Amino acid sequence: MMDWVPIVFLAFKVLVFGTAMFFAIKWHYDQGKSKKEMRVVVRTSAAVIVVFVLLAVGFVFATFTFAKWLGMDLNLP
């Protein structure tokens, strides 16, 4: 009786995410057609990448610091 529930939920999920992805790609494509300078786009992309890498490194450092503070053994075998 309940065998149809995952099928309906999966179909709904695919439909919603597919629609959202279509409009996201279309919006980005339309934004690319605007008269923005490529230099601004590259600079912004580089800034986002640098911030992401710094946050990732900070998160890893904080995780290992917290794990050592809890007394976990993080040495490789």
Protein backbone atom coordinates (compact mmCIF):
# COMPACT_ATOMS: atom_id res chain seq x y z
CA MET A 1 0.00 0.00 0.00
CA MET A 2 2.80 2.44 0.88
CA ASP A 3 5.02 1.32 -2.01
CA TRP A 4 4.01 4.30 -4.14
CA VAL A 5 5.11 6.98 -1.64
CA PRO A 6 8.87 6.90 -2.48
CA ILE A 7 8.06 6.92 -6.18
CA VAL A 8 5.84 10.00 -5.86
CA PHE A 9 8.34 11.81 -3.60
CA LEU A 10 11.23 11.01 -5.93
CA ALA A 11 9.27 12.19 -8.98
CA PHE A 12 8.33 15.41 -7.17
CA LYS A 13 11.93 15.98 -6.09
CA VAL A 14 13.24 15.45 -9.64
CA LEU A 15 10.59 17.82 -11.01
CA VAL A 16 11.28 20.58 -8.47
CA PHE A 17 15.08 20.35 -8.69
CA GLY A 18 14.99 20.06 -12.47
CA THR A 19 12.86 23.19 -12.75
CA ALA A 20 15.07 25.08 -10.29
CA MET A 21 18.23 24.03 -12.14
CA PHE A 22 16.73 25.10 -15.48
CA PHE A 23 15.88 28.57 -14.21
CA ALA A 24 19.23 28.92 -12.40
CA ILE A 25 21.15 28.04 -15.57
CA LYS A 26 18.94 30.33 -17.65
CA TRP A 27 19.44 33.21 -15.19
CA HIS A 28 23.22 32.79 -15.19
CA TYR A 29 23.26 32.55 -18.97
CA ASP A 30 21.22 35.75 -19.25
CA GLN A 31 23.51 37.48 -16.74
CA GLY A 32 26.52 36.48 -18.84
CA LYS A 33 25.00 38.25 -21.80
CA SER A 34 24.92 41.53 -19.92
CA LYS A 35 27.65 44.08 -20.50
CA LYS A 36 29.74 43.29 -17.44
CA GLU A 37 33.44 43.43 -17.91
CA MET A 38 35.21 40.11 -17.80
CA ARG A 39 37.79 41.59 -15.43
CA VAL A 40 35.12 42.17 -12.77
CA VAL A 41 33.84 38.63 -13.14
CA VAL A 42 37.33 37.12 -12.87
CA ARG A 43 38.22 39.29 -9.85
CA THR A 44 35.02 38.35 -8.06
CA SER A 45 35.50 34.67 -8.84
CA ALA A 46 39.07 34.78 -7.55
CA ALA A 47 37.92 36.51 -4.35
CA VAL A 48 35.25 33.87 -3.78
CA ILE A 49 37.77 31.06 -4.33
CA VAL A 50 40.29 32.64 -1.94
CA VAL A 51 37.67 33.12 0.77
CA PHE A 52 36.47 29.54 0.33
CA VAL A 53 39.99 28.10 0.59
CA LEU A 54 40.79 30.20 3.66
CA LEU A 55 37.56 29.15 5.35
CA ALA A 56 38.20 25.49 4.50
CA VAL A 57 41.74 25.63 5.91
CA GLY A 58 40.47 27.41 9.03
CA PHE A 59 37.74 24.84 9.48
CA VAL A 60 40.21 21.95 9.20
CA PHE A 61 42.56 23.65 11.67
CA ALA A 62 39.70 24.30 14.11
CA THR A 63 38.50 20.70 13.79
CA PHE A 64 41.93 19.24 14.58
CA THR A 65 42.45 21.72 17.43
CA PHE A 66 39.08 20.82 18.93
CA ALA A 67 39.75 17.09 18.50
CA LYS A 68 43.11 17.40 20.28
CA TRP A 69 41.46 19.46 23.02
CA LEU A 70 39.03 16.57 23.53
CA GLY A 71 41.99 14.21 23.85
CA MET A 72 41.53 12.30 20.62
CA ASP A 73 44.58 10.54 19.15
CA LEU A 74 44.99 11.88 15.61
CA ASN A 75 48.30 10.18 14.82
CA LEU A 76 48.43 8.01 11.73
CA PRO A 77 49.10 4.30 12.39
